Amino acid sequence: MHDDSRPHLNLLRATPNLLTLGRICLAPFLVAAILERKFELGFILFIIAGVTDALDGELARVFKLRTIIGQYLDPIADKLLLSTLFLVLMYEKLIPTTVTVLVLGRDVGILLVAAILYAAAEKRDFKPSIFGKLNTLAQVSAVAAVLLSQLVQQQWLLFFRAATLDATMVLTVVSGLHYAWAASHRGNHPADNGSGPK
């Protein structure tokens, strides 16, 4: 009798990861919508991606459904989606090349430093810093503003678009430097169990 409830429990435990996988699967359709200049569809898909991101995190926290694979999969999904969008929007000349280069350069740098730390000291737990969180918020806001500005021509929206792109550039540099400083600091303490910023 007790076994009847286990499939429901297993499904609940898998839900956050399924939402994250769904976000990854959504990326090609979002890219296609932008390339075909269907910005209304692209904006809707981007909102759906954002909702799934918030929902999988809340489910994992509220119901204590955190898993090892989820801890790796969620940031990978976020980086994959945002990095791809910055590339596509740059290709469509909707985002300055400088912004995209900074965003991608930071992400590649973080991956290289993380790989070096893991290879040298098996450190792999990198908690997000406040600068990293603010940077992600700025990137999400910038992409949303760029897509929405293709649908609505309002002065406040153009100002918000410019402000979020500027914030993205500044926070990308600041969070990247902070990550490099934190990584070098952790590298000097072999006994550290891994709690630096991402």
N, C-alpha and C. Protein backbone atom coordinates (compact mmCIF):
# COMPACT_ATOMS: atom_id res chain seq x y z
N MET A 1 0.82 -1.21 0.00
CA MET A 1 0.00 0.00 0.00
C MET A 1 0.86 1.26 0.00
N HIS A 2 1.98 1.21 0.73
CA HIS A 2 2.83 2.39 0.84
C HIS A 2 3.53 2.69 -0.48
N ASP A 3 3.71 1.65 -1.31
CA ASP A 3 4.45 1.85 -2.56
C ASP A 3 3.66 2.70 -3.56
N ASP A 4 2.30 2.80 -3.35
CA ASP A 4 1.47 3.53 -4.30
C ASP A 4 1.83 5.02 -4.35
N SER A 5 2.33 5.54 -3.25
CA SER A 5 2.62 6.98 -3.19
C SER A 5 4.00 7.32 -3.73
N ARG A 6 4.82 6.32 -3.90
CA ARG A 6 6.20 6.60 -4.32
C ARG A 6 6.31 7.20 -5.71
N PRO A 7 5.52 6.73 -6.71
CA PRO A 7 5.63 7.38 -8.02
C PRO A 7 5.33 8.86 -7.97
N HIS A 8 4.35 9.27 -7.13
CA HIS A 8 4.03 10.69 -7.01
C HIS A 8 5.18 11.44 -6.36
N LEU A 9 5.80 10.82 -5.36
CA LEU A 9 6.92 11.45 -4.68
C LEU A 9 8.10 11.59 -5.62
N ASN A 10 8.36 10.53 -6.40
CA ASN A 10 9.47 10.58 -7.35
C ASN A 10 9.24 11.65 -8.43
N LEU A 11 7.96 11.78 -8.86
CA LEU A 11 7.65 12.80 -9.86
C LEU A 11 7.86 14.19 -9.28
N LEU A 12 7.46 14.38 -8.02
CA LEU A 12 7.65 15.68 -7.37
C LEU A 12 9.13 16.01 -7.27
N ARG A 13 9.93 15.03 -6.89
CA ARG A 13 11.36 15.25 -6.76
C ARG A 13 12.00 15.59 -8.10
N ALA A 14 11.46 15.02 -9.18
CA ALA A 14 12.04 15.23 -10.51
C ALA A 14 11.55 16.53 -11.15
N THR A 15 10.47 17.13 -10.62
CA THR A 15 9.86 18.29 -11.26
C THR A 15 10.82 19.46 -11.48
N PRO A 16 11.62 19.88 -10.48
CA PRO A 16 12.54 20.99 -10.73
C PRO A 16 13.51 20.72 -11.88
N ASN A 17 14.05 19.51 -11.93
CA ASN A 17 14.98 19.17 -13.00
C ASN A 17 14.28 19.10 -14.36
N LEU A 18 13.02 18.64 -14.35
CA LEU A 18 12.25 18.59 -15.60
C LEU A 18 11.98 20.00 -16.12
N LEU A 19 11.70 20.92 -15.20
CA LEU A 19 11.50 22.32 -15.59
C LEU A 19 12.78 22.91 -16.18
N THR A 20 13.91 22.57 -15.56
CA THR A 20 15.20 23.05 -16.07
C THR A 20 15.49 22.49 -17.46
N LEU A 21 15.22 21.20 -17.65
CA LEU A 21 15.41 20.59 -18.97
C LEU A 21 14.47 21.21 -20.00
N GLY A 22 13.26 21.53 -19.54
CA GLY A 22 12.30 22.19 -20.43
C GLY A 22 12.81 23.55 -20.89
N ARG A 23 13.49 24.26 -19.97
CA ARG A 23 14.05 25.56 -20.31
C ARG A 23 15.15 25.41 -21.36
N ILE A 24 15.96 24.36 -21.24
CA ILE A 24 17.00 24.10 -22.23
C ILE A 24 16.38 23.79 -23.59
N CYS A 25 15.32 22.98 -23.58
CA CYS A 25 14.64 22.62 -24.84
C CYS A 25 13.96 23.81 -25.47
N LEU A 26 13.62 24.81 -24.66
CA LEU A 26 12.94 26.01 -25.16
C LEU A 26 13.89 26.91 -25.94
N ALA A 27 15.18 26.81 -25.66
CA ALA A 27 16.18 27.71 -26.25
C ALA A 27 16.15 27.73 -27.79
N PRO A 28 16.13 26.57 -28.47
CA PRO A 28 16.13 26.62 -29.95
C PRO A 28 14.91 27.33 -30.52
N PHE A 29 13.74 27.16 -29.90
CA PHE A 29 12.53 27.80 -30.40
C PHE A 29 12.60 29.31 -30.19
N LEU A 30 13.20 29.72 -29.07
CA LEU A 30 13.38 31.14 -28.78
C LEU A 30 14.34 31.77 -29.78
N VAL A 31 15.42 31.07 -30.06
CA VAL A 31 16.40 31.56 -31.04
C VAL A 31 15.76 31.67 -32.43
N ALA A 32 14.98 30.65 -32.80
CA ALA A 32 14.33 30.66 -34.11
C ALA A 32 13.35 31.83 -34.23
N ALA A 33 12.62 32.10 -33.15
CA ALA A 33 11.66 33.20 -33.17
C ALA A 33 12.36 34.54 -33.40
N ILE A 34 13.53 34.73 -32.76
CA ILE A 34 14.27 35.99 -32.92
C ILE A 34 14.85 36.09 -34.33
N LEU A 35 15.43 35.00 -34.83
CA LEU A 35 16.01 35.02 -36.16
C LEU A 35 14.95 35.27 -37.23
N GLU A 36 13.75 34.80 -36.98
CA GLU A 36 12.64 35.04 -37.91
C GLU A 36 11.93 36.36 -37.62
N ARG A 37 12.50 37.10 -36.63
CA ARG A 37 11.99 38.40 -36.23
C ARG A 37 10.53 38.35 -35.77
N LYS A 38 10.18 37.25 -35.14
CA LYS A 38 8.87 37.11 -34.50
C LYS A 38 9.06 37.48 -33.03
N PHE A 39 9.20 38.78 -32.79
CA PHE A 39 9.61 39.24 -31.47
C PHE A 39 8.53 39.05 -30.40
N GLU A 40 7.27 39.09 -30.81
CA GLU A 40 6.21 38.84 -29.83
C GLU A 40 6.29 37.42 -29.30
N LEU A 41 6.46 36.46 -30.21
CA LEU A 41 6.63 35.07 -29.79
C LEU A 41 7.90 34.90 -28.97
N GLY A 42 8.97 35.55 -29.41
CA GLY A 42 10.24 35.46 -28.68
C GLY A 42 10.12 35.99 -27.27
N PHE A 43 9.41 37.12 -27.11
CA PHE A 43 9.24 37.70 -25.79
C PHE A 43 8.41 36.78 -24.89
N ILE A 44 7.37 36.19 -25.45
CA ILE A 44 6.53 35.26 -24.68
C ILE A 44 7.34 34.04 -24.23
N LEU A 45 8.13 33.48 -25.14
CA LEU A 45 8.95 32.32 -24.80
C LEU A 45 9.99 32.67 -23.75
N PHE A 46 10.53 33.89 -23.83
CA PHE A 46 11.51 34.32 -22.84
C PHE A 46 10.86 34.46 -21.46
N ILE A 47 9.64 34.96 -21.41
CA ILE A 47 8.92 35.05 -20.14
C ILE A 47 8.66 33.66 -19.58
N ILE A 48 8.26 32.73 -20.45
CA ILE A 48 8.02 31.35 -20.01
C ILE A 48 9.30 30.75 -19.43
N ALA A 49 10.42 31.00 -20.10
CA ALA A 49 11.71 30.50 -19.61
C ALA A 49 12.02 31.09 -18.24
N GLY A 50 11.74 32.38 -18.07
CA GLY A 50 11.97 33.02 -16.77
C GLY A 50 11.09 32.45 -15.68
N VAL A 51 9.84 32.16 -16.01
CA VAL A 51 8.91 31.58 -15.03
C VAL A 51 9.38 30.19 -14.60
N THR A 52 9.81 29.38 -15.57
CA THR A 52 10.29 28.04 -15.22
C THR A 52 11.55 28.11 -14.36
N ASP A 53 12.39 29.12 -14.62
CA ASP A 53 13.61 29.30 -13.82
C ASP A 53 13.25 29.61 -12.37
N ALA A 54 12.29 30.54 -12.19
CA ALA A 54 11.88 30.90 -10.83
C ALA A 54 11.16 29.74 -10.16
N LEU A 55 10.34 29.02 -10.95
CA LEU A 55 9.53 27.95 -10.38
C LEU A 55 10.37 26.76 -9.94
N ASP A 56 11.36 26.37 -10.75
CA ASP A 56 12.17 25.21 -10.35
C ASP A 56 12.98 25.51 -9.10
N GLY A 57 13.44 26.76 -8.97
CA GLY A 57 14.18 27.13 -7.77
C GLY A 57 13.31 27.13 -6.53
N GLU A 58 12.08 27.67 -6.67
CA GLU A 58 11.17 27.70 -5.53
C GLU A 58 10.75 26.30 -5.10
N LEU A 59 10.46 25.44 -6.07
CA LEU A 59 10.07 24.06 -5.74
C LEU A 59 11.20 23.34 -5.01
N ALA A 60 12.42 23.54 -5.50
CA ALA A 60 13.57 22.89 -4.87
C ALA A 60 13.77 23.37 -3.44
N ARG A 61 13.54 24.68 -3.20
CA ARG A 61 13.74 25.23 -1.85
C ARG A 61 12.60 24.85 -0.91
N VAL A 62 11.37 25.09 -1.35
CA VAL A 62 10.21 24.89 -0.48
C VAL A 62 10.03 23.43 -0.09
N PHE A 63 10.18 22.54 -1.07
CA PHE A 63 9.96 21.11 -0.82
C PHE A 63 11.26 20.34 -0.57
N LYS A 64 12.37 21.10 -0.44
CA LYS A 64 13.68 20.48 -0.18
C LYS A 64 13.98 19.39 -1.21
N LEU A 65 13.92 19.78 -2.47
CA LEU A 65 14.12 18.83 -3.56
C LEU A 65 15.44 19.06 -4.28
N ARG A 66 16.40 19.68 -3.60
CA ARG A 66 17.69 19.94 -4.21
C ARG A 66 18.41 18.62 -4.53
N THR A 67 18.98 18.54 -5.72
CA THR A 67 19.76 17.38 -6.12
C THR A 67 21.10 17.85 -6.67
N ILE A 68 22.06 16.95 -6.70
CA ILE A 68 23.38 17.29 -7.23
C ILE A 68 23.28 17.69 -8.70
N ILE A 69 22.52 16.88 -9.46
CA ILE A 69 22.40 17.19 -10.89
C ILE A 69 21.69 18.51 -11.11
N GLY A 70 20.73 18.83 -10.23
CA GLY A 70 20.01 20.09 -10.35
C GLY A 70 20.90 21.27 -10.07
N GLN A 71 21.82 21.13 -9.12
CA GLN A 71 22.73 22.22 -8.78
C GLN A 71 23.66 22.56 -9.95
N TYR A 72 23.97 21.55 -10.78
CA TYR A 72 24.81 21.80 -11.95
C TYR A 72 23.96 22.20 -13.17
N LEU A 73 22.79 21.55 -13.30
CA LEU A 73 21.96 21.73 -14.49
C LEU A 73 21.35 23.12 -14.56
N ASP A 74 20.91 23.65 -13.43
CA ASP A 74 20.22 24.94 -13.42
C ASP A 74 21.11 26.09 -13.92
N PRO A 75 22.33 26.27 -13.36
CA PRO A 75 23.17 27.35 -13.89
C PRO A 75 23.61 27.12 -15.34
N ILE A 76 23.77 25.84 -15.72
CA ILE A 76 24.13 25.55 -17.11
C ILE A 76 23.01 25.99 -18.04
N ALA A 77 21.76 25.69 -17.64
CA ALA A 77 20.61 26.09 -18.45
C ALA A 77 20.53 27.61 -18.58
N ASP A 78 20.77 28.31 -17.46
CA ASP A 78 20.73 29.78 -17.48
C ASP A 78 21.80 30.35 -18.40
N LYS A 79 23.03 29.84 -18.24
CA LYS A 79 24.14 30.35 -19.05
C LYS A 79 23.93 30.04 -20.53
N LEU A 80 23.45 28.83 -20.82
CA LEU A 80 23.23 28.43 -22.20
C LEU A 80 22.19 29.33 -22.85
N LEU A 81 21.10 29.57 -22.13
CA LEU A 81 20.02 30.39 -22.69
C LEU A 81 20.47 31.84 -22.89
N LEU A 82 21.05 32.44 -21.85
CA LEU A 82 21.42 33.84 -21.93
C LEU A 82 22.56 34.08 -22.93
N SER A 83 23.58 33.22 -22.89
CA SER A 83 24.71 33.39 -23.81
C SER A 83 24.25 33.27 -25.26
N THR A 84 23.37 32.29 -25.52
CA THR A 84 22.86 32.11 -26.88
C THR A 84 22.05 33.31 -27.33
N LEU A 85 21.23 33.85 -26.40
CA LEU A 85 20.41 35.01 -26.74
C LEU A 85 21.27 36.24 -27.03
N PHE A 86 22.32 36.44 -26.24
CA PHE A 86 23.20 37.58 -26.50
C PHE A 86 23.86 37.45 -27.88
N LEU A 87 24.27 36.23 -28.22
CA LEU A 87 24.88 36.01 -29.53
C LEU A 87 23.89 36.30 -30.67
N VAL A 88 22.67 35.78 -30.52
CA VAL A 88 21.66 35.95 -31.57
C VAL A 88 21.25 37.42 -31.69
N LEU A 89 21.06 38.08 -30.56
CA LEU A 89 20.68 39.49 -30.59
C LEU A 89 21.81 40.37 -31.15
N MET A 90 23.06 39.97 -30.91
CA MET A 90 24.19 40.67 -31.51
C MET A 90 24.17 40.46 -33.03
N TYR A 91 23.92 39.23 -33.43
CA TYR A 91 23.86 38.90 -34.86
C TYR A 91 22.77 39.71 -35.57
N GLU A 92 21.67 39.92 -34.85
CA GLU A 92 20.57 40.70 -35.42
C GLU A 92 20.78 42.21 -35.23
N LYS A 93 21.96 42.58 -34.68
CA LYS A 93 22.32 43.99 -34.45
C LYS A 93 21.34 44.70 -33.50
N LEU A 94 20.87 43.95 -32.52
CA LEU A 94 19.97 44.52 -31.52
C LEU A 94 20.68 44.75 -30.19
N ILE A 95 21.87 44.19 -30.06
CA ILE A 95 22.70 44.39 -28.87
C ILE A 95 24.12 44.71 -29.32
N PRO A 96 24.77 45.69 -28.71
CA PRO A 96 26.14 46.04 -29.11
C PRO A 96 27.10 44.86 -28.96
N THR A 97 28.03 44.77 -29.88
CA THR A 97 29.02 43.68 -29.84
C THR A 97 29.81 43.68 -28.53
N THR A 98 30.12 44.86 -28.03
CA THR A 98 30.90 44.96 -26.79
C THR A 98 30.23 44.25 -25.63
N VAL A 99 28.92 44.40 -25.52
CA VAL A 99 28.17 43.76 -24.43
C VAL A 99 28.28 42.25 -24.53
N THR A 100 28.05 41.73 -25.72
CA THR A 100 28.09 40.28 -25.92
C THR A 100 29.48 39.71 -25.67
N VAL A 101 30.50 40.41 -26.16
CA VAL A 101 31.88 39.94 -25.96
C VAL A 101 32.22 39.89 -24.46
N LEU A 102 31.81 40.92 -23.72
CA LEU A 102 32.06 40.93 -22.28
C LEU A 102 31.35 39.80 -21.57
N VAL A 103 30.08 39.58 -21.91
CA VAL A 103 29.29 38.53 -21.28
C VAL A 103 29.90 37.15 -21.55
N LEU A 104 30.21 36.88 -22.81
CA LEU A 104 30.76 35.57 -23.17
C LEU A 104 32.17 35.40 -22.62
N GLY A 105 32.97 36.48 -22.66
CA GLY A 105 34.33 36.41 -22.13
C GLY A 105 34.34 36.08 -20.65
N ARG A 106 33.44 36.71 -19.90
CA ARG A 106 33.35 36.43 -18.46
C ARG A 106 32.98 34.97 -18.21
N ASP A 107 31.98 34.48 -18.95
CA ASP A 107 31.52 33.10 -18.74
C ASP A 107 32.62 32.09 -19.07
N VAL A 108 33.32 32.33 -20.17
CA VAL A 108 34.42 31.43 -20.55
C VAL A 108 35.53 31.48 -19.50
N GLY A 109 35.84 32.69 -19.01
CA GLY A 109 36.86 32.84 -17.98
C GLY A 109 36.50 32.10 -16.70
N ILE A 110 35.23 32.20 -16.30
CA ILE A 110 34.78 31.52 -15.08
C ILE A 110 34.88 30.00 -15.25
N LEU A 111 34.49 29.52 -16.41
CA LEU A 111 34.58 28.07 -16.66
C LEU A 111 36.03 27.58 -16.59
N LEU A 112 36.94 28.36 -17.16
CA LEU A 112 38.36 27.97 -17.13
C LEU A 112 38.91 27.97 -15.71
N VAL A 113 38.59 29.02 -14.94
CA VAL A 113 39.07 29.09 -13.56
C VAL A 113 38.48 27.96 -12.73
N ALA A 114 37.18 27.69 -12.92
CA ALA A 114 36.54 26.60 -12.18
C ALA A 114 37.18 25.26 -12.51
N ALA A 115 37.50 25.06 -13.80
CA ALA A 115 38.13 23.80 -14.21
C ALA A 115 39.53 23.67 -13.60
N ILE A 116 40.27 24.78 -13.56
CA ILE A 116 41.62 24.75 -12.98
C ILE A 116 41.55 24.46 -11.49
N LEU A 117 40.62 25.11 -10.79
CA LEU A 117 40.49 24.87 -9.34
C LEU A 117 40.09 23.44 -9.05
N TYR A 118 39.20 22.90 -9.88
CA TYR A 118 38.78 21.51 -9.66
C TYR A 118 39.93 20.55 -9.92
N ALA A 119 40.68 20.82 -10.99
CA ALA A 119 41.80 19.94 -11.32
C ALA A 119 42.91 20.03 -10.27
N ALA A 120 43.12 21.23 -9.73
CA ALA A 120 44.22 21.43 -8.78
C ALA A 120 43.85 21.03 -7.36
N ALA A 121 42.61 21.32 -6.96
CA ALA A 121 42.25 21.09 -5.55
C ALA A 121 40.88 20.44 -5.37
N GLU A 122 40.28 19.98 -6.47
CA GLU A 122 38.96 19.35 -6.43
C GLU A 122 37.92 20.23 -5.75
N LYS A 123 38.00 21.54 -6.03
CA LYS A 123 37.01 22.47 -5.51
C LYS A 123 35.97 22.70 -6.59
N ARG A 124 34.73 22.43 -6.27
CA ARG A 124 33.70 22.53 -7.30
C ARG A 124 32.43 23.22 -6.82
N ASP A 125 32.35 23.57 -5.57
CA ASP A 125 31.15 24.23 -5.04
C ASP A 125 31.35 25.74 -5.04
N PHE A 126 30.78 26.42 -6.04
CA PHE A 126 30.93 27.86 -6.15
C PHE A 126 29.57 28.53 -5.99
N LYS A 127 29.32 29.07 -4.81
CA LYS A 127 28.05 29.73 -4.57
C LYS A 127 28.05 31.10 -5.24
N PRO A 128 26.89 31.50 -5.78
CA PRO A 128 26.82 32.80 -6.46
C PRO A 128 27.10 33.95 -5.50
N SER A 129 27.85 34.94 -5.97
CA SER A 129 28.08 36.14 -5.18
C SER A 129 26.95 37.13 -5.46
N ILE A 130 26.86 38.18 -4.65
CA ILE A 130 25.85 39.21 -4.87
C ILE A 130 26.06 39.88 -6.22
N PHE A 131 27.34 40.03 -6.62
CA PHE A 131 27.63 40.65 -7.92
C PHE A 131 27.17 39.74 -9.07
N GLY A 132 27.37 38.43 -8.89
CA GLY A 132 26.92 37.48 -9.90
C GLY A 132 25.41 37.48 -10.06
N LYS A 133 24.70 37.56 -8.93
CA LYS A 133 23.24 37.59 -8.98
C LYS A 133 22.73 38.87 -9.64
N LEU A 134 23.37 39.99 -9.28
CA LEU A 134 22.98 41.27 -9.89
C LEU A 134 23.28 41.27 -11.39
N ASN A 135 24.39 40.65 -11.76
CA ASN A 135 24.75 40.56 -13.17
C ASN A 135 23.72 39.75 -13.96
N THR A 136 23.29 38.63 -13.38
CA THR A 136 22.27 37.81 -14.04
C THR A 136 20.97 38.59 -14.18
N LEU A 137 20.59 39.31 -13.11
CA LEU A 137 19.38 40.13 -13.16
C LEU A 137 19.48 41.19 -14.26
N ALA A 138 20.64 41.83 -14.37
CA ALA A 138 20.84 42.85 -15.40
C ALA A 138 20.76 42.24 -16.79
N GLN A 139 21.34 41.05 -16.98
CA GLN A 139 21.31 40.38 -18.28
C GLN A 139 19.89 40.02 -18.68
N VAL A 140 19.14 39.44 -17.74
CA VAL A 140 17.75 39.06 -18.01
C VAL A 140 16.92 40.30 -18.35
N SER A 141 17.11 41.37 -17.57
CA SER A 141 16.38 42.61 -17.81
C SER A 141 16.73 43.21 -19.17
N ALA A 142 18.02 43.14 -19.53
CA ALA A 142 18.47 43.69 -20.81
C ALA A 142 17.84 42.94 -21.98
N VAL A 143 17.86 41.62 -21.92
CA VAL A 143 17.28 40.82 -23.00
C VAL A 143 15.78 41.09 -23.11
N ALA A 144 15.09 41.13 -21.97
CA ALA A 144 13.65 41.41 -21.98
C ALA A 144 13.37 42.79 -22.57
N ALA A 145 14.17 43.78 -22.19
CA ALA A 145 13.97 45.15 -22.68
C ALA A 145 14.23 45.24 -24.18
N VAL A 146 15.26 44.54 -24.65
CA VAL A 146 15.58 44.56 -26.08
C VAL A 146 14.45 43.94 -26.90
N LEU A 147 13.93 42.80 -26.43
CA LEU A 147 12.84 42.13 -27.15
C LEU A 147 11.57 42.99 -27.11
N LEU A 148 11.27 43.53 -25.94
CA LEU A 148 10.05 44.32 -25.80
C LEU A 148 10.12 45.62 -26.61
N SER A 149 11.32 46.18 -26.73
CA SER A 149 11.48 47.43 -27.48
C SER A 149 11.22 47.24 -28.97
N GLN A 150 11.24 45.99 -29.43
CA GLN A 150 10.89 45.71 -30.82
C GLN A 150 9.38 45.68 -31.03
N LEU A 151 8.65 45.66 -29.92
CA LEU A 151 7.19 45.61 -30.00
C LEU A 151 6.54 46.92 -29.58
N VAL A 152 7.19 47.59 -28.63
CA VAL A 152 6.63 48.83 -28.08
C VAL A 152 7.67 49.94 -28.18
N GLN A 153 7.31 51.01 -28.84
CA GLN A 153 8.21 52.15 -28.98
C GLN A 153 7.84 53.23 -27.97
N GLN A 154 8.39 53.11 -26.79
CA GLN A 154 8.14 54.08 -25.74
C GLN A 154 9.48 54.62 -25.24
N GLN A 155 9.50 55.91 -24.90
CA GLN A 155 10.75 56.53 -24.48
C GLN A 155 11.31 55.90 -23.22
N TRP A 156 10.42 55.59 -22.26
CA TRP A 156 10.88 54.99 -21.00
C TRP A 156 11.52 53.62 -21.24
N LEU A 157 10.97 52.90 -22.23
CA LEU A 157 11.50 51.57 -22.52
C LEU A 157 12.87 51.67 -23.17
N LEU A 158 13.05 52.65 -24.03
CA LEU A 158 14.37 52.86 -24.65
C LEU A 158 15.41 53.25 -23.60
N PHE A 159 14.98 54.05 -22.64
CA PHE A 159 15.87 54.44 -21.54
C PHE A 159 16.21 53.22 -20.69
N PHE A 160 15.20 52.40 -20.38
CA PHE A 160 15.42 51.20 -19.58
C PHE A 160 16.33 50.22 -20.31
N ARG A 161 16.15 50.10 -21.62
CA ARG A 161 17.01 49.22 -22.43
C ARG A 161 18.46 49.66 -22.34
N ALA A 162 18.70 50.96 -22.52
CA ALA A 162 20.07 51.48 -22.46
C ALA A 162 20.66 51.31 -21.06
N ALA A 163 19.84 51.54 -20.02
CA ALA A 163 20.32 51.43 -18.65
C ALA A 163 20.69 49.99 -18.31
N THR A 164 19.87 49.02 -18.74
CA THR A 164 20.16 47.62 -18.42
C THR A 164 21.38 47.10 -19.19
N LEU A 165 21.57 47.58 -20.41
CA LEU A 165 22.76 47.19 -21.17
C LEU A 165 24.02 47.76 -20.53
N ASP A 166 23.95 49.02 -20.08
CA ASP A 166 25.09 49.62 -19.38
C ASP A 166 25.36 48.87 -18.07
N ALA A 167 24.29 48.54 -17.34
CA ALA A 167 24.44 47.81 -16.08
C ALA A 167 25.05 46.44 -16.33
N THR A 168 24.66 45.80 -17.42
CA THR A 168 25.21 44.49 -17.77
C THR A 168 26.71 44.57 -17.98
N MET A 169 27.16 45.59 -18.71
CA MET A 169 28.60 45.74 -18.96
C MET A 169 29.37 45.97 -17.67
N VAL A 170 28.86 46.88 -16.84
CA VAL A 170 29.55 47.19 -15.59
C VAL A 170 29.58 45.98 -14.66
N LEU A 171 28.44 45.34 -14.47
CA LEU A 171 28.36 44.21 -13.54
C LEU A 171 29.09 42.98 -14.07
N THR A 172 29.18 42.85 -15.39
CA THR A 172 29.95 41.75 -15.96
C THR A 172 31.42 41.88 -15.58
N VAL A 173 31.95 43.08 -15.70
CA VAL A 173 33.35 43.34 -15.35
C VAL A 173 33.56 43.18 -13.84
N VAL A 174 32.68 43.80 -13.04
CA VAL A 174 32.82 43.76 -11.58
C VAL A 174 32.71 42.34 -11.06
N SER A 175 31.68 41.60 -11.51
CA SER A 175 31.50 40.23 -11.02
C SER A 175 32.62 39.31 -11.48
N GLY A 176 33.14 39.57 -12.70
CA GLY A 176 34.27 38.78 -13.19
C GLY A 176 35.52 39.01 -12.37
N LEU A 177 35.81 40.27 -12.05
CA LEU A 177 36.97 40.59 -11.21
C LEU A 177 36.80 40.03 -9.80
N HIS A 178 35.58 40.14 -9.27
CA HIS A 178 35.33 39.60 -7.93
C HIS A 178 35.50 38.09 -7.90
N TYR A 179 35.04 37.44 -8.95
CA TYR A 179 35.20 35.99 -9.03
C TYR A 179 36.68 35.61 -9.10
N ALA A 180 37.46 36.36 -9.90
CA ALA A 180 38.89 36.08 -10.02
C ALA A 180 39.59 36.27 -8.67
N TRP A 181 39.21 37.35 -7.96
CA TRP A 181 39.80 37.60 -6.64
C TRP A 181 39.43 36.48 -5.67
N ALA A 182 38.16 36.08 -5.65
CA ALA A 182 37.72 35.03 -4.73
C ALA A 182 38.38 33.70 -5.06
N ALA A 183 38.53 33.41 -6.36
CA ALA A 183 39.15 32.15 -6.77
C ALA A 183 40.62 32.11 -6.36
N SER A 184 41.32 33.23 -6.53
CA SER A 184 42.74 33.26 -6.13
C SER A 184 42.87 33.15 -4.62
N HIS A 185 41.93 33.74 -3.89
CA HIS A 185 41.95 33.66 -2.43
C HIS A 185 41.72 32.22 -1.97
N ARG A 186 40.77 31.55 -2.61
CA ARG A 186 40.49 30.16 -2.26
C ARG A 186 41.65 29.25 -2.64
N GLY A 187 42.32 29.61 -3.74
CA GLY A 187 43.44 28.80 -4.18
C GLY A 187 44.60 28.80 -3.20
N ASN A 188 44.63 29.81 -2.31
CA ASN A 188 45.69 29.88 -1.30
C ASN A 188 45.36 29.11 -0.04
N HIS A 189 44.16 28.49 -0.01
CA HIS A 189 43.72 27.75 1.18
C HIS A 189 43.29 26.35 0.77
N PRO A 190 44.20 25.41 0.67
CA PRO A 190 43.89 24.07 0.21
C PRO A 190 42.84 23.37 1.07
N ALA A 191 42.74 23.75 2.32
CA ALA A 191 41.81 23.05 3.20
C ALA A 191 40.40 23.56 3.06
N ASP A 192 40.19 24.61 2.26
CA ASP A 192 38.86 25.18 2.09
C ASP A 192 37.93 24.14 1.50
N ASN A 193 36.72 24.05 2.04
CA ASN A 193 35.79 23.03 1.56
C ASN A 193 34.94 23.53 0.40
N GLY A 194 35.17 24.75 -0.04
CA GLY A 194 34.49 25.22 -1.24
C GLY A 194 33.23 25.98 -0.98
N SER A 195 33.34 27.31 -0.91
CA SER A 195 32.13 28.10 -0.74
C SER A 195 32.26 29.46 -1.43
N GLY A 196 33.12 29.52 -2.42
CA GLY A 196 33.38 30.80 -3.06
C GLY A 196 32.28 31.19 -4.01
N PRO A 197 32.34 32.41 -4.51
CA PRO A 197 31.28 32.92 -5.38
C PRO A 197 31.37 32.36 -6.79
N LYS A 198 30.28 32.51 -7.50
CA LYS A 198 30.25 32.05 -8.87
C LYS A 198 30.21 33.20 -9.83
